[in-house]
C-alpha cells in the first residue's frame, strides 16, 4: 500500500511524524513562520536560507536572528527534527558553519543547491552548483563532517529548461556524500516559479535514488499536492508559497479539516503572526517585515478584487501594526460586498 501523507517516515536517525513539510522560504522562514506551520501539523519545517560565510565569520545578525531556534519549536507536538538551511560554495567554510549550526541545536542541515537568484549564483552557490557537481559533492560532504548531522539537499532539475543535471547530481550527492534525502523541485532555475513542474522526472528520481525524495514546486492547493504525490511516489511533499497566509493547508492535507478558514480565523492567525514578529524583531522592524505578509492574509479573506487591492495598498503604507490589524478586522463590510 502506498504511504499516506499522515504516515511517519525516517530521515537519517530521526522520525518525521508525517509527510507534509514546510519548505525553506528565503527572507521568510523565521522561527515563528516555522512554528506556525508546526502548529497546523507540518511534520517538519526548514529555516530560511542562511549564508555559511556569515556563520563562519560570526555575523551578529545571522548568529542572533537567523540561527535562532525558539523553545516553542522544540516543544511542538508531535516532536519533529529542526532543519536549518545553509548555502555556500566553499567546503571549508561550510564545514565550519555546519559545526556552529549543530551546536545551535539543529537536528538536520539542508543545503540550498537550487536558488536561482543571480546574487547567489554568481558566487558559485545555489543553482550554480548544479553545473559544478564536484564542488557540490565536496560541500555536502563537508556539511556532514562538520556537523555530524544528517544532510539534505534542495535541488532544481537543471539551470535551464530541458536540462536534467540536477537529476544526475542528486545521485552523486547520495552515493558519494551520503546525503540523507533530496528535496527536488522539478523546474529549471531559469524559470524560477513559473512553468509546469516535470513530475515525470521527479518520479524517475524516486525510482532510481537510494534515499527519500521530497517533492516541492507548484504545490499550492490540496488537490495539486495529492495529484503530485500520487504521480511521483515521493517520500514527502514540501509546501512553499502555497502555505503563505494559509497554514490551514497543512490541516487539509492531513485530514484535520475539510473547510476553508473563516474570516475570524484568518484575522486571529494574522494577529498571532504579528505578535511573534514583534517578539522576534521588535515593533519597528516587525512593522516593515509584516508588509509582505498582509497580502497573504487579505487573499484568504476572499475580498473582491478592487477592494482587496485598496486594502492591501493601505496596509503597505501603514506605519503602525495596530492600525493595520484594525483595518483587517474592519474588513467585514468588504466581505459582505464581495
C-alpha atoms as a PDB file:
ATOM      1  CA  UNK A   1       0.000   0.000   0.000  1.00  0.00           C
ATOM      2  CA  UNK A   2       1.312   3.482  -0.800  1.00  0.00           C
ATOM      3  CA  UNK A   3       2.188   5.601   2.227  1.00  0.00           C
ATOM      4  CA  UNK A   4      -0.350   8.157   3.348  1.00  0.00           C
ATOM      5  CA  UNK A   5       0.642  11.760   3.972  1.00  0.00           C
ATOM      6  CA  UNK A   6      -0.173  11.161   7.623  1.00  0.00           C
ATOM      7  CA  UNK A   7       2.358   8.309   7.949  1.00  0.00           C
ATOM      8  CA  UNK A   8       5.642   8.812   9.772  1.00  0.00           C
ATOM      9  CA  UNK A   9       8.966   8.253   7.948  1.00  0.00           C
ATOM     10  CA  UNK A  10      12.688   8.171   8.673  1.00  0.00           C
ATOM     11  CA  UNK A  11      15.195  10.907   7.897  1.00  0.00           C
ATOM     12  CA  UNK A  12      18.549   9.549   8.980  1.00  0.00           C
ATOM     13  CA  UNK A  13      18.214   8.780  12.707  1.00  0.00           C
ATOM     14  CA  UNK A  14      15.100  10.945  13.078  1.00  0.00           C
ATOM     15  CA  UNK A  15      11.431  10.080  12.817  1.00  0.00           C
ATOM     16  CA  UNK A  16       9.380  12.677  10.954  1.00  0.00           C
ATOM     17  CA  UNK A  17       5.767  12.407  12.152  1.00  0.00           C
ATOM     18  CA  UNK A  18       4.143  12.954   8.753  1.00  0.00           C
ATOM     19  CA  UNK A  19       4.938  13.672   5.116  1.00  0.00           C
ATOM     20  CA  UNK A  20       3.807  17.296   4.766  1.00  0.00           C
ATOM     21  CA  UNK A  21       6.695  19.724   5.351  1.00  0.00           C
ATOM     22  CA  UNK A  22       7.349  23.452   5.204  1.00  0.00           C
ATOM     23  CA  UNK A  23       9.919  24.409   2.564  1.00  0.00           C
ATOM     24  CA  UNK A  24      12.756  26.851   3.208  1.00  0.00           C
ATOM     25  CA  UNK A  25      11.497  30.315   2.258  1.00  0.00           C
ATOM     26  CA  UNK A  26      14.241  32.901   1.734  1.00  0.00           C
ATOM     27  CA  UNK A  27      13.649  36.009   3.823  1.00  0.00           C
ATOM     28  CA  UNK A  28      10.500  34.488   5.307  1.00  0.00           C
ATOM     29  CA  UNK A  29      11.236  31.219   7.138  1.00  0.00           C
ATOM     30  CA  UNK A  30      11.928  32.659  10.578  1.00  0.00           C
ATOM     31  CA  UNK A  31      11.334  30.596  13.695  1.00  0.00           C
ATOM     32  CA  UNK A  32       7.807  31.977  14.036  1.00  0.00           C
ATOM     33  CA  UNK A  33       6.857  31.056  10.457  1.00  0.00           C
ATOM     34  CA  UNK A  34       8.258  27.585  11.082  1.00  0.00           C
ATOM     35  CA  UNK A  35       6.361  27.382  14.376  1.00  0.00           C
ATOM     36  CA  UNK A  36       3.159  28.442  12.633  1.00  0.00           C
ATOM     37  CA  UNK A  37       3.479  25.537  10.200  1.00  0.00           C
ATOM     38  CA  UNK A  38       4.137  23.131  13.050  1.00  0.00           C
ATOM     39  CA  UNK A  39       1.066  24.423  14.931  1.00  0.00           C
ATOM     40  CA  UNK A  40      -1.043  23.405  11.947  1.00  0.00           C
ATOM     41  CA  UNK A  41       0.513  19.961  11.632  1.00  0.00           C
ATOM     42  CA  UNK A  42       3.637  20.223   9.452  1.00  0.00           C
ATOM     43  CA  UNK A  43       5.856  17.200  10.030  1.00  0.00           C
ATOM     44  CA  UNK A  44       8.989  19.315   9.715  1.00  0.00           C
ATOM     45  CA  UNK A  45       9.836  22.930   8.886  1.00  0.00           C
ATOM     46  CA  UNK A  46      13.071  24.105   7.245  1.00  0.00           C
ATOM     47  CA  UNK A  47      14.574  27.501   8.013  1.00  0.00           C
ATOM     48  CA  UNK A  48      15.138  30.307   5.574  1.00  0.00           C
ATOM     49  CA  UNK A  49      18.410  30.235   3.645  1.00  0.00           C
ATOM     50  CA  UNK A  50      21.429  31.222   5.787  1.00  0.00           C
ATOM     51  CA  UNK A  51      24.879  32.095   4.458  1.00  0.00           C
ATOM     52  CA  UNK A  52      27.623  29.693   5.534  1.00  0.00           C
ATOM     53  CA  UNK A  53      30.092  32.562   5.195  1.00  0.00           C
ATOM     54  CA  UNK A  54      28.057  34.763   7.567  1.00  0.00           C
ATOM     55  CA  UNK A  55      28.084  31.984  10.148  1.00  0.00           C
ATOM     56  CA  UNK A  56      31.785  31.253   9.650  1.00  0.00           C
ATOM     57  CA  UNK A  57      32.611  34.926  10.237  1.00  0.00           C
ATOM     58  CA  UNK A  58      30.136  35.166  13.156  1.00  0.00           C
ATOM     59  CA  UNK A  59      27.963  37.896  11.669  1.00  0.00           C
ATOM     60  CA  UNK A  60      25.960  39.261  14.599  1.00  0.00           C
ATOM     61  CA  UNK A  61      22.521  39.343  12.922  1.00  0.00           C
ATOM     62  CA  UNK A  62      22.995  35.872  11.492  1.00  0.00           C
ATOM     63  CA  UNK A  63      24.039  34.395  14.810  1.00  0.00           C
ATOM     64  CA  UNK A  64      21.299  36.005  16.907  1.00  0.00           C
ATOM     65  CA  UNK A  65      18.378  36.032  14.466  1.00  0.00           C
ATOM     66  CA  UNK A  66      18.734  33.634  11.539  1.00  0.00           C
ATOM     67  CA  UNK A  67      20.052  30.773  13.660  1.00  0.00           C
ATOM     68  CA  UNK A  68      17.522  31.295  16.431  1.00  0.00           C
ATOM     69  CA  UNK A  69      15.598  28.195  17.397  1.00  0.00           C
ATOM     70  CA  UNK A  70      12.699  29.118  19.672  1.00  0.00           C
ATOM     71  CA  UNK A  71      11.888  26.851  22.656  1.00  0.00           C
ATOM     72  CA  UNK A  72       8.321  26.527  21.351  1.00  0.00           C
ATOM     73  CA  UNK A  73       9.693  24.859  18.194  1.00  0.00           C
ATOM     74  CA  UNK A  74      11.402  22.226  20.288  1.00  0.00           C
ATOM     75  CA  UNK A  75       8.278  21.717  22.404  1.00  0.00           C
ATOM     76  CA  UNK A  76       5.844  21.456  19.468  1.00  0.00           C
ATOM     77  CA  UNK A  77       3.729  18.292  19.378  1.00  0.00           C
ATOM     78  CA  UNK A  78       4.332  15.840  17.878  1.00  0.00           C
ATOM     79  CA  UNK A  79       8.127  16.144  18.156  1.00  0.00           C
ATOM     80  CA  UNK A  80       9.939  16.720  14.865  1.00  0.00           C
ATOM     81  CA  UNK A  81      13.515  17.395  13.772  1.00  0.00           C
ATOM     82  CA  UNK A  82      14.569  21.034  13.287  1.00  0.00           C
ATOM     83  CA  UNK A  83      16.288  21.762   9.973  1.00  0.00           C
ATOM     84  CA  UNK A  84      18.468  24.782   9.173  1.00  0.00           C
ATOM     85  CA  UNK A  85      19.216  25.553   5.515  1.00  0.00           C
ATOM     86  CA  UNK A  86      22.680  26.789   4.535  1.00  0.00           C
ATOM     87  CA  UNK A  87      24.132  27.971   1.251  1.00  0.00           C
ATOM     88  CA  UNK A  88      27.674  28.431   0.055  1.00  0.00           C
ATOM     89  CA  UNK A  89      30.254  27.009  -2.329  1.00  0.00           C
ATOM     90  CA  UNK A  90      33.362  26.662  -0.133  1.00  0.00           C
ATOM     91  CA  UNK A  91      33.716  23.239   1.551  1.00  0.00           C
ATOM     92  CA  UNK A  92      35.963  24.545   4.321  1.00  0.00           C
ATOM     93  CA  UNK A  93      33.616  27.373   5.190  1.00  0.00           C
ATOM     94  CA  UNK A  94      30.647  25.001   5.035  1.00  0.00           C
ATOM     95  CA  UNK A  95      32.352  22.579   7.422  1.00  0.00           C
ATOM     96  CA  UNK A  96      32.903  25.415   9.901  1.00  0.00           C
ATOM     97  CA  UNK A  97      29.342  26.742   9.557  1.00  0.00           C
ATOM     98  CA  UNK A  98      27.810  23.297   9.922  1.00  0.00           C
ATOM     99  CA  UNK A  99      29.630  22.788  13.198  1.00  0.00           C
ATOM    100  CA  UNK A 100      28.154  26.044  14.525  1.00  0.00           C
ATOM    101  CA  UNK A 101      24.652  25.115  13.349  1.00  0.00           C
ATOM    102  CA  UNK A 102      24.854  21.758  15.118  1.00  0.00           C
ATOM    103  CA  UNK A 103      25.952  23.499  18.313  1.00  0.00           C
ATOM    104  CA  UNK A 104      22.983  25.880  17.968  1.00  0.00           C
ATOM    105  CA  UNK A 105      20.607  22.928  18.252  1.00  0.00           C
ATOM    106  CA  UNK A 106      19.712  21.900  14.703  1.00  0.00           C
ATOM    107  CA  UNK A 107      18.868  18.256  14.034  1.00  0.00           C
ATOM    108  CA  UNK A 108      19.264  18.375  10.242  1.00  0.00           C
ATOM    109  CA  UNK A 109      21.226  20.570   7.840  1.00  0.00           C
ATOM    110  CA  UNK A 110      19.650  21.354   4.480  1.00  0.00           C
ATOM    111  CA  UNK A 111      21.855  22.683   1.679  1.00  0.00           C
ATOM    112  CA  UNK A 112      20.492  25.009  -0.970  1.00  0.00           C
ATOM    113  CA  UNK A 113      21.677  23.994  -4.427  1.00  0.00           C
ATOM    114  CA  UNK A 114      18.655  25.320  -6.274  1.00  0.00           C
ATOM    115  CA  UNK A 115      18.379  29.059  -5.559  1.00  0.00           C
ATOM    116  CA  UNK A 116      18.075  30.883  -8.917  1.00  0.00           C
ATOM    117  CA  UNK A 117      18.779  34.408  -7.593  1.00  0.00           C
ATOM    118  CA  UNK A 118      21.694  35.943  -9.548  1.00  0.00           C
ATOM    119  CA  UNK A 119      23.475  37.406  -6.497  1.00  0.00           C
ATOM    120  CA  UNK A 120      23.656  33.894  -5.028  1.00  0.00           C
ATOM    121  CA  UNK A 121      24.541  32.079  -8.245  1.00  0.00           C
ATOM    122  CA  UNK A 122      27.312  34.497  -9.226  1.00  0.00           C
ATOM    123  CA  UNK A 123      29.250  33.428  -6.121  1.00  0.00           C
ATOM    124  CA  UNK A 124      29.096  29.806  -7.274  1.00  0.00           C
ATOM    125  CA  UNK A 125      26.428  28.869  -4.732  1.00  0.00           C
ATOM    126  CA  UNK A 126      22.735  27.972  -5.113  1.00  0.00           C
ATOM    127  CA  UNK A 127      21.763  26.639  -8.543  1.00  0.00           C
ATOM    128  CA  UNK A 128      25.283  27.340  -9.862  1.00  0.00           C
ATOM    129  CA  UNK A 129      26.389  24.165  -8.073  1.00  0.00           C
ATOM    130  CA  UNK A 130      24.267  22.092 -10.445  1.00  0.00           C
ATOM    131  CA  UNK A 131      26.922  22.789 -13.101  1.00  0.00           C
ATOM    132  CA  UNK A 132      29.770  22.176 -10.640  1.00  0.00           C
ATOM    133  CA  UNK A 133      28.986  18.714  -9.287  1.00  0.00           C
ATOM    134  CA  UNK A 134      32.434  18.019  -7.843  1.00  0.00           C
ATOM    135  CA  UNK A 135      32.186  21.109  -5.648  1.00  0.00           C
ATOM    136  CA  UNK A 136      28.582  20.290  -4.777  1.00  0.00           C
ATOM    137  CA  UNK A 137      29.602  16.844  -3.514  1.00  0.00           C
ATOM    138  CA  UNK A 138      32.528  18.313  -1.570  1.00  0.00           C
ATOM    139  CA  UNK A 139      30.255  20.926   0.069  1.00  0.00           C
ATOM    140  CA  UNK A 140      27.708  18.281   1.094  1.00  0.00           C
ATOM    141  CA  UNK A 141      30.404  16.019   2.473  1.00  0.00           C
ATOM    142  CA  UNK A 142      31.883  18.926   4.443  1.00  0.00           C
ATOM    143  CA  UNK A 143      28.490  19.796   5.957  1.00  0.00           C
ATOM    144  CA  UNK A 144      28.091  16.248   7.220  1.00  0.00           C
ATOM    145  CA  UNK A 145      31.641  16.085   8.559  1.00  0.00           C
ATOM    146  CA  UNK A 146      31.402  19.430  10.323  1.00  0.00           C
ATOM    147  CA  UNK A 147      28.045  18.825  11.940  1.00  0.00           C
ATOM    148  CA  UNK A 148      27.715  15.099  12.466  1.00  0.00           C
ATOM    149  CA  UNK A 149      24.088  15.581  11.396  1.00  0.00           C
ATOM    150  CA  UNK A 150      22.077  14.153   8.505  1.00  0.00           C
ATOM    151  CA  UNK A 151      22.308  16.439   5.473  1.00  0.00           C
ATOM    152  CA  UNK A 152      19.576  17.027   2.922  1.00  0.00           C
ATOM    153  CA  UNK A 153      19.917  18.982  -0.325  1.00  0.00           C
ATOM    154  CA  UNK A 154      17.345  21.082  -2.148  1.00  0.00           C
ATOM    155  CA  UNK A 155      17.857  20.848  -5.923  1.00  0.00           C
ATOM    156  CA  UNK A 156      16.346  22.091  -9.157  1.00  0.00           C
ATOM    157  CA  UNK A 157      16.095  19.823 -12.208  1.00  0.00           C
ATOM    158  CA  UNK A 158      18.659  21.977 -14.022  1.00  0.00           C
ATOM    159  CA  UNK A 159      19.756  25.521 -14.677  1.00  0.00           C
ATOM    160  CA  UNK A 160      17.819  25.956 -17.927  1.00  0.00           C
ATOM    161  CA  UNK A 161      14.618  24.435 -19.340  1.00  0.00           C
ATOM    162  CA  UNK A 162      15.151  20.926 -20.662  1.00  0.00           C
ATOM    163  CA  UNK A 163      18.298  20.292 -18.638  1.00  0.00           C
ATOM    164  CA  UNK A 164      18.375  17.448 -16.115  1.00  0.00           C
ATOM    165  CA  UNK A 165      21.782  17.960 -14.493  1.00  0.00           C
ATOM    166  CA  UNK A 166      20.052  18.098 -11.111  1.00  0.00           C
ATOM    167  CA  UNK A 167      18.836  14.529 -11.583  1.00  0.00           C
ATOM    168  CA  UNK A 168      22.409  13.307 -12.069  1.00  0.00           C
ATOM    169  CA  UNK A 169      23.726  15.448  -9.213  1.00  0.00           C
ATOM    170  CA  UNK A 170      21.146  14.006  -6.818  1.00  0.00           C
ATOM    171  CA  UNK A 171      22.595  10.546  -7.373  1.00  0.00           C
ATOM    172  CA  UNK A 172      26.160  11.731  -6.797  1.00  0.00           C
ATOM    173  CA  UNK A 173      25.187  13.554  -3.613  1.00  0.00           C
ATOM    174  CA  UNK A 174      23.622  10.410  -2.179  1.00  0.00           C
ATOM    175  CA  UNK A 175      26.228   7.943  -3.459  1.00  0.00           C
ATOM    176  CA  UNK A 176      29.378   9.973  -2.780  1.00  0.00           C
ATOM    177  CA  UNK A 177      28.453  12.377   0.039  1.00  0.00           C
ATOM    178  CA  UNK A 178      25.955  10.248   1.940  1.00  0.00           C
ATOM    179  CA  UNK A 179      23.156  12.812   1.689  1.00  0.00           C
ATOM    180  CA  UNK A 180      20.129  11.590   3.647  1.00  0.00           C
ATOM    181  CA  UNK A 181      17.392  12.963   1.352  1.00  0.00           C
ATOM    182  CA  UNK A 182      16.885  15.153  -1.707  1.00  0.00           C
ATOM    183  CA  UNK A 183      14.259  17.893  -1.871  1.00  0.00           C
ATOM    184  CA  UNK A 184      13.579  18.055  -5.600  1.00  0.00           C
ATOM    185  CA  UNK A 185      11.985  20.983  -7.417  1.00  0.00           C
ATOM    186  CA  UNK A 186      11.429  19.654 -10.952  1.00  0.00           C
ATOM    187  CA  UNK A 187      11.633  23.013 -12.725  1.00  0.00           C
ATOM    188  CA  UNK A 188      14.747  24.735 -14.001  1.00  0.00           C
ATOM    189  CA  UNK A 189      16.340  27.590 -12.091  1.00  0.00           C
ATOM    190  CA  UNK A 190      15.809  29.863 -15.096  1.00  0.00           C
ATOM    191  CA  UNK A 191      12.011  29.803 -14.807  1.00  0.00           C
ATOM    192  CA  UNK A 192      12.023  30.488 -11.044  1.00  0.00           C
ATOM    193  CA  UNK A 193       8.430  29.640 -10.007  1.00  0.00           C
ATOM    194  CA  UNK A 194       6.836  29.692 -13.451  1.00  0.00           C
ATOM    195  CA  UNK A 195       6.121  26.829 -15.810  1.00  0.00           C
ATOM    196  CA  UNK A 196       4.828  23.321 -15.213  1.00  0.00           C
ATOM    197  CA  UNK A 197       6.889  21.082 -12.903  1.00  0.00           C
ATOM    198  CA  UNK A 198       8.250  17.935 -14.558  1.00  0.00           C
ATOM    199  CA  UNK A 199       6.681  15.377 -12.259  1.00  0.00           C
ATOM    200  CA  UNK A 200       7.707  12.538 -14.591  1.00  0.00           C
ATOM    201  CA  UNK A 201      11.354  13.424 -13.951  1.00  0.00           C
ATOM    202  CA  UNK A 202      10.642  13.525 -10.236  1.00  0.00           C
ATOM    203  CA  UNK A 203       9.043  10.077 -10.438  1.00  0.00           C
ATOM    204  CA  UNK A 204      12.161   8.727 -12.174  1.00  0.00           C
ATOM    205  CA  UNK A 205      14.307  10.169  -9.416  1.00  0.00           C
ATOM    206  CA  UNK A 206      12.127   8.482  -6.798  1.00  0.00           C
ATOM    207  CA  UNK A 207      12.512   5.155  -8.609  1.00  0.00           C
ATOM    208  CA  UNK A 208      16.287   5.347  -9.007  1.00  0.00           C
ATOM    209  CA  UNK A 209      17.585   7.177  -5.928  1.00  0.00           C
ATOM    210  CA  UNK A 210      18.718   5.284  -2.856  1.00  0.00           C
ATOM    211  CA  UNK A 211      17.327   7.941  -0.500  1.00  0.00           C
ATOM    212  CA  UNK A 212      13.989   9.634   0.156  1.00  0.00           C
ATOM    213  CA  UNK A 213      12.859  12.259  -2.353  1.00  0.00           C
ATOM    214  CA  UNK A 214      10.875  15.208  -1.012  1.00  0.00           C
ATOM    215  CA  UNK A 215       8.790  16.859  -3.717  1.00  0.00           C
ATOM    216  CA  UNK A 216       8.462  20.634  -3.909  1.00  0.00           C
ATOM    217  CA  UNK A 217       7.411  23.176  -6.524  1.00  0.00           C
ATOM    218  CA  UNK A 218       3.939  24.118  -7.789  1.00  0.00           C
ATOM    219  CA  UNK A 219       2.101  22.757  -4.758  1.00  0.00           C
ATOM    220  CA  UNK A 220      -0.462  25.438  -3.980  1.00  0.00           C
ATOM    221  CA  UNK A 221      -3.643  23.504  -3.254  1.00  0.00           C
ATOM    222  CA  UNK A 222      -4.675  20.267  -1.596  1.00  0.00           C
ATOM    223  CA  UNK A 223      -5.709  18.889  -4.984  1.00  0.00           C
ATOM    224  CA  UNK A 224      -2.338  19.713  -6.587  1.00  0.00           C
ATOM    225  CA  UNK A 225      -0.459  18.146  -3.689  1.00  0.00           C
ATOM    226  CA  UNK A 226      -2.496  14.945  -3.753  1.00  0.00           C
ATOM    227  CA  UNK A 227      -2.068  14.583  -7.515  1.00  0.00           C
ATOM    228  CA  UNK A 228       1.685  15.235  -7.491  1.00  0.00           C
ATOM    229  CA  UNK A 229       2.258  12.955  -4.501  1.00  0.00           C
ATOM    230  CA  UNK A 230       0.437  10.096  -6.209  1.00  0.00           C
ATOM    231  CA  UNK A 231       2.121  10.660  -9.598  1.00  0.00           C
ATOM    232  CA  UNK A 232       5.668  10.790  -8.252  1.00  0.00           C
ATOM    233  CA  UNK A 233       5.650   8.359  -5.352  1.00  0.00           C
ATOM    234  CA  UNK A 234       7.737  10.840  -3.352  1.00  0.00           C
ATOM    235  CA  UNK A 235       8.501  10.180   0.305  1.00  0.00           C
ATOM    236  CA  UNK A 236       7.064  13.560   1.312  1.00  0.00           C
ATOM    237  CA  UNK A 237       5.839  16.881  -0.041  1.00  0.00           C
ATOM    238  CA  UNK A 238       7.123  20.324   0.818  1.00  0.00           C
ATOM    239  CA  UNK A 239       4.822  23.362   0.775  1.00  0.00           C
ATOM    240  CA  UNK A 240       6.317  26.733  -0.068  1.00  0.00           C
ATOM    241  CA  UNK A 241       4.376  29.708  -1.459  1.00  0.00           C
ATOM    242  CA  UNK A 242       1.117  27.780  -1.245  1.00  0.00           C
ATOM    243  CA  UNK A 243       1.325  27.879   2.546  1.00  0.00           C
ATOM    244  CA  UNK A 244       1.918  31.629   2.880  1.00  0.00           C
ATOM    245  CA  UNK A 245      -1.047  33.029   4.763  1.00  0.00           C
ATOM    246  CA  UNK A 246      -2.616  29.593   4.502  1.00  0.00           C
ATOM    247  CA  UNK A 247      -1.303  27.315   7.268  1.00  0.00           C
ATOM    248  CA  UNK A 248      -4.713  25.624   7.119  1.00  0.00           C
ATOM    249  CA  UNK A 249      -3.430  23.816   4.014  1.00  0.00           C
ATOM    250  CA  UNK A 250      -1.364  21.579   6.303  1.00  0.00           C
ATOM    251  CA  UNK A 251      -4.521  20.623   8.173  1.00  0.00           C
ATOM    252  CA  UNK A 252      -6.399  19.956   4.934  1.00  0.00           C
ATOM    253  CA  UNK A 253      -3.690  17.606   3.683  1.00  0.00           C
ATOM    254  CA  UNK A 254      -3.506  15.762   6.988  1.00  0.00           C
ATOM    255  CA  UNK A 255      -7.275  15.280   7.177  1.00  0.00           C
ATOM    256  CA  UNK A 256      -7.667  17.607  10.164  1.00  0.00           C
ATOM    257  CA  UNK A 257     -10.172  19.940   8.467  1.00  0.00           C
ATOM    258  CA  UNK A 258     -12.294  19.982   5.327  1.00  0.00           C
ATOM    259  CA  UNK A 259     -13.260  23.630   5.048  1.00  0.00           C
ATOM    260  CA  UNK A 260     -11.667  26.993   4.355  1.00  0.00           C
ATOM    261  CA  UNK A 261     -10.894  29.201   7.371  1.00  0.00           C
ATOM    262  CA  UNK A 262     -13.462  31.737   8.477  1.00  0.00           C
ATOM    263  CA  UNK A 263     -12.682  35.456   8.424  1.00  0.00           C
ATOM    264  CA  UNK A 264     -12.333  35.348  12.212  1.00  0.00           C
ATOM    265  CA  UNK A 265      -9.757  32.549  11.951  1.00  0.00           C
ATOM    266  CA  UNK A 266      -7.778  34.494   9.354  1.00  0.00           C
ATOM    267  CA  UNK A 267      -7.715  37.632  11.492  1.00  0.00           C
ATOM    268  CA  UNK A 268      -6.756  35.633  14.590  1.00  0.00           C
ATOM    269  CA  UNK A 269      -3.879  33.992  12.759  1.00  0.00           C
ATOM    270  CA  UNK A 270      -2.588  37.284  11.399  1.00  0.00           C
ATOM    271  CA  UNK A 271      -2.747  38.658  14.941  1.00  0.00           C
ATOM    272  CA  UNK A 272      -0.698  35.695  16.202  1.00  0.00           C
ATOM    273  CA  UNK A 273       1.852  36.270  13.446  1.00  0.00           C
ATOM    274  CA  UNK A 274       2.220  39.957  14.254  1.00  0.00           C
ATOM    275  CA  UNK A 275       2.751  39.253  17.944  1.00  0.00           C
ATOM    276  CA  UNK A 276       5.500  36.741  17.178  1.00  0.00           C
ATOM    277  CA  UNK A 277       7.114  39.064  14.629  1.00  0.00           C
ATOM    278  CA  UNK A 278       7.304  41.779  17.285  1.00  0.00           C
ATOM    279  CA  UNK A 279       8.769  39.282  19.761  1.00  0.00           C
ATOM    280  CA  UNK A 280      11.482  38.400  17.271  1.00  0.00           C
ATOM    281  CA  UNK A 281      12.264  41.711  15.596  1.00  0.00           C
ATOM    282  CA  UNK A 282      10.909  44.457  17.826  1.00  0.00           C
ATOM    283  CA  UNK A 283       7.973  46.598  16.750  1.00  0.00           C
ATOM    284  CA  UNK A 284       9.831  48.909  14.347  1.00  0.00           C
ATOM    285  CA  UNK A 285      11.390  46.150  12.254  1.00  0.00           C
ATOM    286  CA  UNK A 286       8.353  43.909  12.541  1.00  0.00           C
ATOM    287  CA  UNK A 287       6.258  46.709  11.009  1.00  0.00           C
ATOM    288  CA  UNK A 288       8.386  46.509   7.869  1.00  0.00           C
ATOM    289  CA  UNK A 289       8.540  42.701   7.794  1.00  0.00           C
ATOM    290  CA  UNK A 290       4.766  42.385   8.067  1.00  0.00           C
ATOM    291  CA  UNK A 291       4.116  44.492   4.981  1.00  0.00           C
ATOM    292  CA  UNK A 292       4.979  41.470   2.847  1.00  0.00           C
ATOM    293  CA  UNK A 293       2.690  39.236   4.935  1.00  0.00           C
ATOM    294  CA  UNK A 294      -0.507  41.296   4.902  1.00  0.00           C
ATOM    295  CA  UNK A 295      -1.471  40.426   1.276  1.00  0.00           C
ATOM    296  CA  UNK A 296      -1.227  36.701   2.059  1.00  0.00           C
ATOM    297  CA  UNK A 297      -3.993  37.041   4.659  1.00  0.00           C
ATOM    298  CA  UNK A 298      -6.113  39.517   2.712  1.00  0.00           C
ATOM    299  CA  UNK A 299      -6.236  36.867  -0.037  1.00  0.00           C
ATOM    300  CA  UNK A 300      -7.626  34.337   2.445  1.00  0.00           C
ATOM    301  CA  UNK A 301     -10.425  36.741   3.412  1.00  0.00           C
ATOM    302  CA  UNK A 302     -11.970  36.385  -0.046  1.00  0.00           C
ATOM    303  CA  UNK A 303     -12.437  40.109  -0.581  1.00  0.00           C
ATOM    304  CA  UNK A 304     -13.407  41.239  -4.099  1.00  0.00           C
ATOM    305  CA  UNK A 305     -10.549  42.296  -6.382  1.00  0.00           C
ATOM    306  CA  UNK A 306     -10.790  46.092  -6.289  1.00  0.00           C
ATOM    307  CA  UNK A 307     -11.498  46.162  -2.557  1.00  0.00           C
ATOM    308  CA  UNK A 308      -8.628  43.781  -1.847  1.00  0.00           C
ATOM    309  CA  UNK A 309      -6.264  45.946  -3.884  1.00  0.00           C
ATOM    310  CA  UNK A 310      -7.350  49.051  -1.982  1.00  0.00           C
ATOM    311  CA  UNK A 311      -6.958  47.334   1.398  1.00  0.00           C
ATOM    312  CA  UNK A 312      -3.530  45.932   0.502  1.00  0.00           C
ATOM    313  CA  UNK A 313      -2.342  49.360  -0.602  1.00  0.00           C
ATOM    314  CA  UNK A 314      -3.425  50.860   2.703  1.00  0.00           C
ATOM    315  CA  UNK A 315      -1.743  48.094   4.703  1.00  0.00           C
ATOM    316  CA  UNK A 316       1.502  48.528   2.789  1.00  0.00           C
ATOM    317  CA  UNK A 317       1.501  52.249   3.635  1.00  0.00           C
ATOM    318  CA  UNK A 318       0.715  51.683   7.283  1.00  0.00           C
ATOM    319  CA  UNK A 319       3.464  52.528   9.774  1.00  0.00           C
ATOM    320  CA  UNK A 320       1.507  51.031  12.673  1.00  0.00           C
ATOM    321  CA  UNK A 321       0.860  47.346  13.271  1.00  0.00           C
ATOM    322  CA  UNK A 322      -2.218  48.081  15.360  1.00  0.00           C
ATOM    323  CA  UNK A 323      -3.655  50.286  12.613  1.00  0.00           C
ATOM    324  CA  UNK A 324      -3.068  47.563  10.031  1.00  0.00           C
ATOM    325  CA  UNK A 325      -4.743  44.938  12.221  1.00  0.00           C
ATOM    326  CA  UNK A 326      -7.717  47.179  12.892  1.00  0.00           C
ATOM    327  CA  UNK A 327      -8.210  47.682   9.148  1.00  0.00           C
ATOM    328  CA  UNK A 328      -8.159  43.934   8.583  1.00  0.00           C
ATOM    329  CA  UNK A 329     -10.612  43.407  11.455  1.00  0.00           C
ATOM    330  CA  UNK A 330     -12.902  46.074   9.970  1.00  0.00           C
ATOM    331  CA  UNK A 331     -12.966  44.393   6.565  1.00  0.00           C
ATOM    332  CA  UNK A 332     -16.345  42.770   7.293  1.00  0.00           C
ATOM    333  CA  UNK A 333     -18.280  45.215   5.083  1.00  0.00           C
ATOM    334  CA  UNK A 334     -15.904  44.442   2.215  1.00  0.00           C
ATOM    335  CA  UNK A 335     -16.537  40.740   2.692  1.00  0.00           C
ATOM    336  CA  UNK A 336     -20.265  41.307   2.592  1.00  0.00           C
ATOM    337  CA  UNK A 337     -19.911  43.173  -0.690  1.00  0.00           C
ATOM    338  CA  UNK A 338     -17.643  40.581  -2.288  1.00  0.00           C
END
